[in-house]
Amino acid sequence: TDKNEQNDGTSKPDISAEPKETKEKVTLYFGDKEAMYLVPEEREVVVGNKKLEEVVIAELIQGPRKADTFQTIPKEAELISVEVVDGVAYVNFNQEFQTKHWGGSAGEAMTLYSITNSLAKLPDIEQVQFLLEGKKQEAILGHADTTEPISPNWSMIKE
């Protein structure tokens, strides 16, 4: 019999193989054309040896695939790190997250909640603490208080 087959005929995983490209289904939230609501977009992503949180942010930076939905994170922004501690994802961006942002309180809300809502759909994440180059900012994008972790805002979602 095949070395991976147990006596009952079921296969057991081959642990000697290279790590598989694990795929996960995630829900990403992008802005609508009025910058009023977030529009969900489901994607199957390859996780590989990265953290799922990192993959979600990378997909958000890449931008939406659906028509009439818009980028919420500047393309130049880079994720330095993301750590999850006690239900809070500490999301650390480079300076470009702030300096390349298009501004405005509506645009800011789209960005903060696009990230927060997308990450809060993952297990173990309830809130997001934004960091810029490792430091908390009073208002990372100019308006909303980002010294404390942000909770998702599900009322912003357009189904």
N, C-alpha and C. Protein backbone atom coordinates (compact mmCIF):
# COMPACT_ATOMS: atom_id res chain seq x y z
N THR A 1 0.84 -1.20 0.00
CA THR A 1 0.00 0.00 0.00
C THR A 1 0.88 1.26 0.00
N ASP A 2 0.24 2.35 -0.37
CA ASP A 2 0.91 3.64 -0.39
C ASP A 2 1.36 3.98 1.02
N LYS A 3 2.55 4.58 1.15
CA LYS A 3 3.08 4.87 2.49
C LYS A 3 2.23 5.88 3.27
N ASN A 4 1.39 6.62 2.56
CA ASN A 4 0.53 7.58 3.24
C ASN A 4 -0.85 7.02 3.57
N GLU A 5 -1.08 5.76 3.23
CA GLU A 5 -2.40 5.22 3.48
C GLU A 5 -2.40 4.45 4.80
N GLN A 6 -3.35 4.74 5.65
CA GLN A 6 -3.49 4.00 6.89
C GLN A 6 -4.30 2.74 6.57
N ASN A 7 -4.38 1.82 7.54
CA ASN A 7 -5.07 0.55 7.32
C ASN A 7 -6.53 0.72 6.92
N ASP A 8 -7.16 1.80 7.36
CA ASP A 8 -8.58 1.98 7.04
C ASP A 8 -8.78 2.64 5.67
N GLY A 9 -7.71 2.85 4.94
CA GLY A 9 -7.84 3.38 3.59
C GLY A 9 -7.81 4.90 3.50
N THR A 10 -7.85 5.58 4.65
CA THR A 10 -7.79 7.05 4.58
C THR A 10 -6.33 7.48 4.49
N SER A 11 -6.11 8.61 3.88
CA SER A 11 -4.75 9.12 3.77
C SER A 11 -4.42 9.96 4.97
N LYS A 12 -3.18 9.88 5.39
CA LYS A 12 -2.73 10.81 6.43
C LYS A 12 -1.79 11.80 5.76
N PRO A 13 -1.68 13.00 6.30
CA PRO A 13 -0.85 14.00 5.63
C PRO A 13 0.61 13.56 5.59
N ASP A 14 1.28 13.88 4.50
CA ASP A 14 2.70 13.56 4.37
C ASP A 14 3.48 14.70 4.99
N ILE A 15 3.97 14.48 6.22
CA ILE A 15 4.64 15.58 6.92
C ILE A 15 6.07 15.79 6.43
N SER A 16 6.58 14.91 5.60
CA SER A 16 7.93 15.09 5.10
C SER A 16 7.96 16.06 3.92
N ALA A 17 6.80 16.35 3.36
CA ALA A 17 6.73 17.22 2.18
C ALA A 17 7.07 18.66 2.54
N GLU A 18 7.39 19.44 1.53
CA GLU A 18 7.62 20.87 1.72
C GLU A 18 6.33 21.49 2.27
N PRO A 19 6.45 22.60 3.02
CA PRO A 19 5.21 23.23 3.50
C PRO A 19 4.32 23.62 2.32
N LYS A 20 3.07 23.29 2.44
CA LYS A 20 2.13 23.56 1.35
C LYS A 20 1.82 25.06 1.31
N GLU A 21 1.44 25.53 0.14
CA GLU A 21 0.98 26.91 0.01
C GLU A 21 -0.43 26.95 0.57
N THR A 22 -0.57 27.25 1.84
CA THR A 22 -1.91 27.27 2.43
C THR A 22 -2.71 28.43 1.87
N LYS A 23 -3.95 28.12 1.53
CA LYS A 23 -4.85 29.16 1.03
C LYS A 23 -5.91 29.41 2.08
N GLU A 24 -6.25 30.66 2.23
CA GLU A 24 -7.28 31.07 3.19
C GLU A 24 -8.24 31.99 2.47
N LYS A 25 -9.50 31.91 2.88
CA LYS A 25 -10.49 32.87 2.37
C LYS A 25 -10.52 34.05 3.34
N VAL A 26 -10.41 35.26 2.80
CA VAL A 26 -10.46 36.45 3.65
C VAL A 26 -11.47 37.43 3.06
N THR A 27 -11.98 38.30 3.92
CA THR A 27 -12.86 39.38 3.47
C THR A 27 -12.10 40.67 3.64
N LEU A 28 -11.95 41.39 2.53
CA LEU A 28 -11.27 42.68 2.55
C LEU A 28 -12.32 43.76 2.35
N TYR A 29 -12.09 44.92 2.92
CA TYR A 29 -13.04 46.02 2.78
C TYR A 29 -12.36 47.19 2.09
N PHE A 30 -12.98 47.64 0.99
CA PHE A 30 -12.48 48.78 0.23
C PHE A 30 -13.54 49.88 0.22
N GLY A 31 -13.13 51.09 -0.13
CA GLY A 31 -14.05 52.21 -0.14
C GLY A 31 -14.97 52.20 -1.35
N ASP A 32 -16.19 52.74 -1.16
CA ASP A 32 -17.07 52.94 -2.32
C ASP A 32 -16.74 54.29 -2.96
N LYS A 33 -17.39 54.59 -4.09
CA LYS A 33 -16.97 55.81 -4.82
C LYS A 33 -17.29 57.10 -4.08
N GLU A 34 -18.24 57.08 -3.16
CA GLU A 34 -18.55 58.29 -2.38
C GLU A 34 -17.69 58.41 -1.12
N ALA A 35 -16.85 57.41 -0.84
CA ALA A 35 -16.07 57.36 0.41
C ALA A 35 -17.00 57.44 1.62
N MET A 36 -18.15 56.75 1.50
CA MET A 36 -19.13 56.72 2.59
C MET A 36 -19.17 55.35 3.24
N TYR A 37 -19.05 54.31 2.41
CA TYR A 37 -19.21 52.94 2.89
C TYR A 37 -18.03 52.09 2.48
N LEU A 38 -17.89 50.99 3.21
CA LEU A 38 -16.91 49.97 2.85
C LEU A 38 -17.62 48.85 2.13
N VAL A 39 -17.00 48.35 1.08
CA VAL A 39 -17.58 47.29 0.27
C VAL A 39 -16.75 46.03 0.48
N PRO A 40 -17.39 44.91 0.90
CA PRO A 40 -16.63 43.69 1.12
C PRO A 40 -16.20 43.04 -0.19
N GLU A 41 -15.01 42.48 -0.18
CA GLU A 41 -14.52 41.72 -1.33
C GLU A 41 -13.85 40.46 -0.78
N GLU A 42 -14.40 39.30 -1.15
CA GLU A 42 -13.81 38.05 -0.69
C GLU A 42 -12.69 37.65 -1.62
N ARG A 43 -11.60 37.17 -1.05
CA ARG A 43 -10.47 36.69 -1.83
C ARG A 43 -9.92 35.44 -1.21
N GLU A 44 -9.39 34.59 -2.07
CA GLU A 44 -8.63 33.45 -1.58
C GLU A 44 -7.18 33.85 -1.69
N VAL A 45 -6.47 33.83 -0.58
CA VAL A 45 -5.08 34.28 -0.57
C VAL A 45 -4.15 33.14 -0.20
N VAL A 46 -2.94 33.21 -0.73
CA VAL A 46 -1.90 32.24 -0.39
C VAL A 46 -1.13 32.80 0.80
N VAL A 47 -1.08 32.03 1.88
CA VAL A 47 -0.45 32.52 3.09
C VAL A 47 1.04 32.17 3.10
N GLY A 48 1.40 30.94 2.69
CA GLY A 48 2.81 30.55 2.71
C GLY A 48 3.37 30.64 4.12
N ASN A 49 4.55 31.26 4.26
CA ASN A 49 5.18 31.34 5.59
C ASN A 49 4.94 32.69 6.26
N LYS A 50 3.99 33.47 5.74
CA LYS A 50 3.66 34.76 6.34
C LYS A 50 2.52 34.60 7.33
N LYS A 51 2.31 35.63 8.14
CA LYS A 51 1.14 35.67 9.01
C LYS A 51 -0.05 36.09 8.17
N LEU A 52 -1.21 35.54 8.48
CA LEU A 52 -2.43 35.89 7.74
C LEU A 52 -2.69 37.40 7.80
N GLU A 53 -2.40 38.02 8.95
CA GLU A 53 -2.61 39.47 9.09
C GLU A 53 -1.77 40.23 8.07
N GLU A 54 -0.52 39.79 7.87
CA GLU A 54 0.37 40.46 6.90
C GLU A 54 -0.18 40.33 5.49
N VAL A 55 -0.70 39.15 5.18
CA VAL A 55 -1.25 38.91 3.85
C VAL A 55 -2.47 39.80 3.61
N VAL A 56 -3.33 39.93 4.62
CA VAL A 56 -4.53 40.78 4.50
C VAL A 56 -4.12 42.22 4.20
N ILE A 57 -3.14 42.75 4.94
CA ILE A 57 -2.69 44.14 4.72
C ILE A 57 -2.07 44.27 3.33
N ALA A 58 -1.27 43.29 2.91
CA ALA A 58 -0.65 43.33 1.58
C ALA A 58 -1.73 43.37 0.50
N GLU A 59 -2.79 42.59 0.68
CA GLU A 59 -3.90 42.59 -0.29
C GLU A 59 -4.62 43.94 -0.30
N LEU A 60 -4.80 44.54 0.88
CA LEU A 60 -5.43 45.86 0.94
C LEU A 60 -4.58 46.90 0.22
N ILE A 61 -3.25 46.82 0.39
CA ILE A 61 -2.36 47.77 -0.29
C ILE A 61 -2.43 47.58 -1.80
N GLN A 62 -2.56 46.32 -2.25
CA GLN A 62 -2.68 46.06 -3.70
C GLN A 62 -3.93 46.72 -4.27
N GLY A 63 -4.96 46.81 -3.46
CA GLY A 63 -6.18 47.48 -3.91
C GLY A 63 -7.25 46.51 -4.37
N PRO A 64 -8.44 47.07 -4.65
CA PRO A 64 -9.60 46.24 -4.98
C PRO A 64 -9.55 45.68 -6.40
N ARG A 65 -10.30 44.60 -6.61
CA ARG A 65 -10.45 44.02 -7.94
C ARG A 65 -11.84 44.31 -8.50
N LYS A 66 -12.78 44.65 -7.59
CA LYS A 66 -14.16 44.93 -8.01
C LYS A 66 -14.26 46.32 -8.61
N ALA A 67 -15.16 46.46 -9.59
CA ALA A 67 -15.43 47.79 -10.16
C ALA A 67 -16.10 48.66 -9.10
N ASP A 68 -15.92 49.95 -9.22
CA ASP A 68 -16.56 50.93 -8.32
C ASP A 68 -16.14 50.80 -6.86
N THR A 69 -15.01 50.18 -6.60
CA THR A 69 -14.46 50.20 -5.24
C THR A 69 -13.06 50.78 -5.33
N PHE A 70 -12.61 51.36 -4.23
CA PHE A 70 -11.40 52.16 -4.29
C PHE A 70 -10.40 51.79 -3.21
N GLN A 71 -9.15 52.02 -3.57
CA GLN A 71 -7.99 51.86 -2.71
C GLN A 71 -8.21 52.58 -1.39
N THR A 72 -7.79 51.98 -0.29
CA THR A 72 -7.92 52.66 1.00
C THR A 72 -6.57 52.91 1.66
N ILE A 73 -5.52 52.28 1.15
CA ILE A 73 -4.17 52.47 1.70
C ILE A 73 -3.29 52.94 0.55
N PRO A 74 -2.48 53.98 0.78
CA PRO A 74 -1.58 54.42 -0.30
C PRO A 74 -0.68 53.28 -0.78
N LYS A 75 -0.50 53.17 -2.10
CA LYS A 75 0.33 52.11 -2.68
C LYS A 75 1.76 52.13 -2.12
N GLU A 76 2.24 53.33 -1.75
CA GLU A 76 3.62 53.47 -1.26
C GLU A 76 3.77 53.01 0.18
N ALA A 77 2.66 52.82 0.87
CA ALA A 77 2.72 52.40 2.28
C ALA A 77 3.29 51.00 2.36
N GLU A 78 4.10 50.78 3.39
CA GLU A 78 4.64 49.44 3.63
C GLU A 78 4.35 49.06 5.07
N LEU A 79 3.99 47.80 5.23
CA LEU A 79 3.78 47.26 6.56
C LEU A 79 5.14 46.86 7.11
N ILE A 80 5.52 47.44 8.24
CA ILE A 80 6.78 47.07 8.88
C ILE A 80 6.57 45.78 9.67
N SER A 81 5.49 45.74 10.44
CA SER A 81 5.22 44.54 11.23
C SER A 81 3.77 44.55 11.69
N VAL A 82 3.31 43.37 12.08
CA VAL A 82 2.00 43.27 12.72
C VAL A 82 2.10 42.18 13.78
N GLU A 83 1.71 42.52 14.99
CA GLU A 83 1.73 41.58 16.12
C GLU A 83 0.35 41.59 16.75
N VAL A 84 -0.12 40.41 17.13
CA VAL A 84 -1.42 40.32 17.80
C VAL A 84 -1.19 39.96 19.27
N VAL A 85 -1.67 40.82 20.17
CA VAL A 85 -1.53 40.59 21.60
C VAL A 85 -2.89 40.84 22.25
N ASP A 86 -3.42 39.82 22.92
CA ASP A 86 -4.69 39.95 23.66
C ASP A 86 -5.81 40.57 22.83
N GLY A 87 -5.96 40.10 21.59
CA GLY A 87 -7.06 40.56 20.75
C GLY A 87 -6.81 41.86 20.01
N VAL A 88 -5.64 42.47 20.24
CA VAL A 88 -5.30 43.73 19.55
C VAL A 88 -4.19 43.46 18.54
N ALA A 89 -4.44 43.86 17.29
CA ALA A 89 -3.41 43.76 16.25
C ALA A 89 -2.66 45.09 16.24
N TYR A 90 -1.36 45.03 16.51
CA TYR A 90 -0.50 46.22 16.45
C TYR A 90 0.06 46.30 15.04
N VAL A 91 -0.47 47.24 14.26
CA VAL A 91 -0.14 47.35 12.84
C VAL A 91 0.81 48.53 12.67
N ASN A 92 2.04 48.22 12.28
CA ASN A 92 3.11 49.21 12.21
C ASN A 92 3.45 49.51 10.75
N PHE A 93 3.12 50.73 10.31
CA PHE A 93 3.39 51.14 8.93
C PHE A 93 4.60 52.07 8.86
N ASN A 94 5.17 52.17 7.65
CA ASN A 94 6.22 53.16 7.42
C ASN A 94 5.60 54.55 7.27
N GLN A 95 6.46 55.56 7.18
CA GLN A 95 6.04 56.96 7.10
C GLN A 95 5.08 57.24 5.93
N GLU A 96 5.26 56.52 4.82
CA GLU A 96 4.45 56.77 3.62
C GLU A 96 2.96 56.51 3.85
N PHE A 97 2.63 55.69 4.83
CA PHE A 97 1.22 55.47 5.18
C PHE A 97 0.58 56.82 5.48
N GLN A 98 1.34 57.70 6.13
CA GLN A 98 0.84 59.02 6.50
C GLN A 98 1.10 60.05 5.40
N THR A 99 2.34 60.11 4.90
CA THR A 99 2.71 61.20 3.98
C THR A 99 2.08 61.06 2.60
N LYS A 100 1.78 59.84 2.16
CA LYS A 100 1.19 59.64 0.83
C LYS A 100 -0.33 59.52 0.87
N HIS A 101 -0.91 59.64 2.07
CA HIS A 101 -2.37 59.52 2.18
C HIS A 101 -3.03 60.75 1.56
N TRP A 102 -4.17 60.54 0.91
CA TRP A 102 -4.87 61.62 0.20
C TRP A 102 -5.63 62.56 1.12
N GLY A 103 -5.75 62.21 2.38
CA GLY A 103 -6.31 63.14 3.37
C GLY A 103 -7.82 63.19 3.40
N GLY A 104 -8.32 64.12 4.23
CA GLY A 104 -9.76 64.28 4.41
C GLY A 104 -10.28 63.31 5.45
N SER A 105 -11.27 63.74 6.22
CA SER A 105 -11.77 62.88 7.29
C SER A 105 -12.50 61.65 6.74
N ALA A 106 -13.17 61.79 5.59
CA ALA A 106 -13.86 60.62 5.00
C ALA A 106 -12.83 59.61 4.51
N GLY A 107 -11.80 60.09 3.83
CA GLY A 107 -10.73 59.20 3.34
C GLY A 107 -10.01 58.52 4.48
N GLU A 108 -9.82 59.26 5.56
CA GLU A 108 -9.17 58.71 6.75
C GLU A 108 -10.02 57.59 7.36
N ALA A 109 -11.33 57.83 7.49
CA ALA A 109 -12.22 56.81 8.05
C ALA A 109 -12.21 55.56 7.17
N MET A 110 -12.22 55.74 5.85
CA MET A 110 -12.17 54.60 4.92
C MET A 110 -10.91 53.77 5.19
N THR A 111 -9.77 54.45 5.34
CA THR A 111 -8.50 53.77 5.55
C THR A 111 -8.49 53.03 6.89
N LEU A 112 -8.80 53.73 7.96
CA LEU A 112 -8.73 53.12 9.30
C LEU A 112 -9.68 51.94 9.43
N TYR A 113 -10.93 52.10 8.92
CA TYR A 113 -11.90 51.03 9.09
C TYR A 113 -11.77 49.94 8.05
N SER A 114 -11.20 50.25 6.90
CA SER A 114 -10.92 49.20 5.92
C SER A 114 -9.94 48.20 6.54
N ILE A 115 -8.91 48.72 7.20
CA ILE A 115 -7.90 47.86 7.84
C ILE A 115 -8.50 47.18 9.07
N THR A 116 -9.14 47.97 9.94
CA THR A 116 -9.67 47.42 11.19
C THR A 116 -10.73 46.36 10.93
N ASN A 117 -11.69 46.65 10.05
CA ASN A 117 -12.75 45.68 9.77
C ASN A 117 -12.19 44.43 9.10
N SER A 118 -11.24 44.59 8.16
CA SER A 118 -10.65 43.43 7.47
C SER A 118 -9.92 42.53 8.47
N LEU A 119 -9.15 43.13 9.38
CA LEU A 119 -8.41 42.33 10.36
C LEU A 119 -9.33 41.73 11.41
N ALA A 120 -10.39 42.46 11.79
CA ALA A 120 -11.31 41.97 12.82
C ALA A 120 -12.13 40.76 12.35
N LYS A 121 -12.12 40.48 11.03
CA LYS A 121 -12.78 39.28 10.52
C LYS A 121 -11.93 38.03 10.79
N LEU A 122 -10.66 38.23 11.16
CA LEU A 122 -9.78 37.10 11.44
C LEU A 122 -9.99 36.66 12.88
N PRO A 123 -9.72 35.37 13.14
CA PRO A 123 -9.84 34.91 14.53
C PRO A 123 -8.82 35.64 15.40
N ASP A 124 -9.13 35.85 16.65
CA ASP A 124 -8.21 36.43 17.64
C ASP A 124 -7.97 37.93 17.51
N ILE A 125 -8.63 38.62 16.57
CA ILE A 125 -8.43 40.07 16.47
C ILE A 125 -9.75 40.78 16.72
N GLU A 126 -9.74 41.65 17.72
CA GLU A 126 -10.93 42.43 18.05
C GLU A 126 -10.74 43.91 17.78
N GLN A 127 -9.50 44.38 17.89
CA GLN A 127 -9.21 45.80 17.69
C GLN A 127 -7.87 45.95 16.99
N VAL A 128 -7.61 47.18 16.48
CA VAL A 128 -6.35 47.46 15.81
C VAL A 128 -5.72 48.71 16.41
N GLN A 129 -4.45 48.58 16.77
CA GLN A 129 -3.67 49.74 17.22
C GLN A 129 -2.74 50.13 16.08
N PHE A 130 -2.90 51.34 15.57
CA PHE A 130 -2.05 51.82 14.47
C PHE A 130 -0.76 52.41 15.02
N LEU A 131 0.34 52.06 14.36
CA LEU A 131 1.65 52.61 14.71
C LEU A 131 2.30 53.15 13.44
N LEU A 132 3.09 54.19 13.60
CA LEU A 132 3.85 54.74 12.49
C LEU A 132 5.31 54.64 12.88
N GLU A 133 6.08 53.85 12.12
CA GLU A 133 7.50 53.63 12.42
C GLU A 133 7.66 53.23 13.90
N GLY A 134 6.74 52.38 14.40
CA GLY A 134 6.85 51.84 15.75
C GLY A 134 6.27 52.70 16.86
N LYS A 135 5.74 53.88 16.52
CA LYS A 135 5.22 54.78 17.57
C LYS A 135 3.74 55.05 17.38
N LYS A 136 3.03 55.19 18.52
CA LYS A 136 1.62 55.60 18.48
C LYS A 136 1.57 57.06 18.05
N GLN A 137 0.55 57.41 17.29
CA GLN A 137 0.37 58.79 16.83
C GLN A 137 -0.96 59.30 17.36
N GLU A 138 -1.01 60.57 17.70
CA GLU A 138 -2.26 61.14 18.21
C GLU A 138 -3.37 61.02 17.17
N ALA A 139 -3.05 61.39 15.94
CA ALA A 139 -4.01 61.26 14.84
C ALA A 139 -3.19 60.92 13.61
N ILE A 140 -3.00 59.64 13.38
CA ILE A 140 -2.07 59.17 12.35
C ILE A 140 -2.34 59.79 10.98
N LEU A 141 -3.63 60.02 10.67
CA LEU A 141 -3.98 60.62 9.38
C LEU A 141 -4.63 61.99 9.53
N GLY A 142 -4.47 62.60 10.71
CA GLY A 142 -4.90 63.99 10.86
C GLY A 142 -6.16 64.26 11.66
N HIS A 143 -7.09 63.32 11.75
CA HIS A 143 -8.37 63.62 12.42
C HIS A 143 -8.67 62.69 13.59
N ALA A 144 -8.88 61.42 13.30
CA ALA A 144 -9.32 60.47 14.34
C ALA A 144 -8.20 60.18 15.33
N ASP A 145 -8.59 60.01 16.60
CA ASP A 145 -7.64 59.67 17.65
C ASP A 145 -7.14 58.24 17.44
N THR A 146 -5.83 58.10 17.26
CA THR A 146 -5.26 56.76 17.07
C THR A 146 -4.27 56.41 18.18
N THR A 147 -4.44 57.05 19.35
CA THR A 147 -3.57 56.70 20.48
C THR A 147 -4.05 55.41 21.14
N GLU A 148 -5.31 55.07 20.94
CA GLU A 148 -5.90 53.85 21.52
C GLU A 148 -6.28 52.90 20.39
N PRO A 149 -6.42 51.60 20.70
CA PRO A 149 -6.88 50.66 19.66
C PRO A 149 -8.27 51.03 19.14
N ILE A 150 -8.48 50.77 17.85
CA ILE A 150 -9.74 51.07 17.18
C ILE A 150 -10.55 49.79 17.03
N SER A 151 -11.84 49.87 17.34
CA SER A 151 -12.75 48.73 17.14
C SER A 151 -13.36 48.82 15.75
N PRO A 152 -13.76 47.67 15.19
CA PRO A 152 -14.38 47.72 13.86
C PRO A 152 -15.69 48.50 13.88
N ASN A 153 -16.04 49.03 12.72
CA ASN A 153 -17.31 49.74 12.57
C ASN A 153 -18.10 49.01 11.48
N TRP A 154 -18.95 48.09 11.91
CA TRP A 154 -19.69 47.25 10.95
C TRP A 154 -20.81 48.04 10.27
N SER A 155 -21.20 49.20 10.84
CA SER A 155 -22.29 49.97 10.22
C SER A 155 -21.83 50.67 8.94
N MET A 156 -20.52 50.69 8.69
CA MET A 156 -20.00 51.34 7.48
C MET A 156 -20.03 50.41 6.26
N ILE A 157 -20.49 49.17 6.47
CA ILE A 157 -20.41 48.20 5.38
C ILE A 157 -21.65 48.23 4.51
N LYS A 158 -21.41 48.31 3.21
CA LYS A 158 -22.50 48.26 2.22
C LYS A 158 -22.51 46.83 1.68
N GLU A 159 -23.59 46.11 1.95
CA GLU A 159 -23.63 44.71 1.47
C GLU A 159 -24.12 44.65 0.05
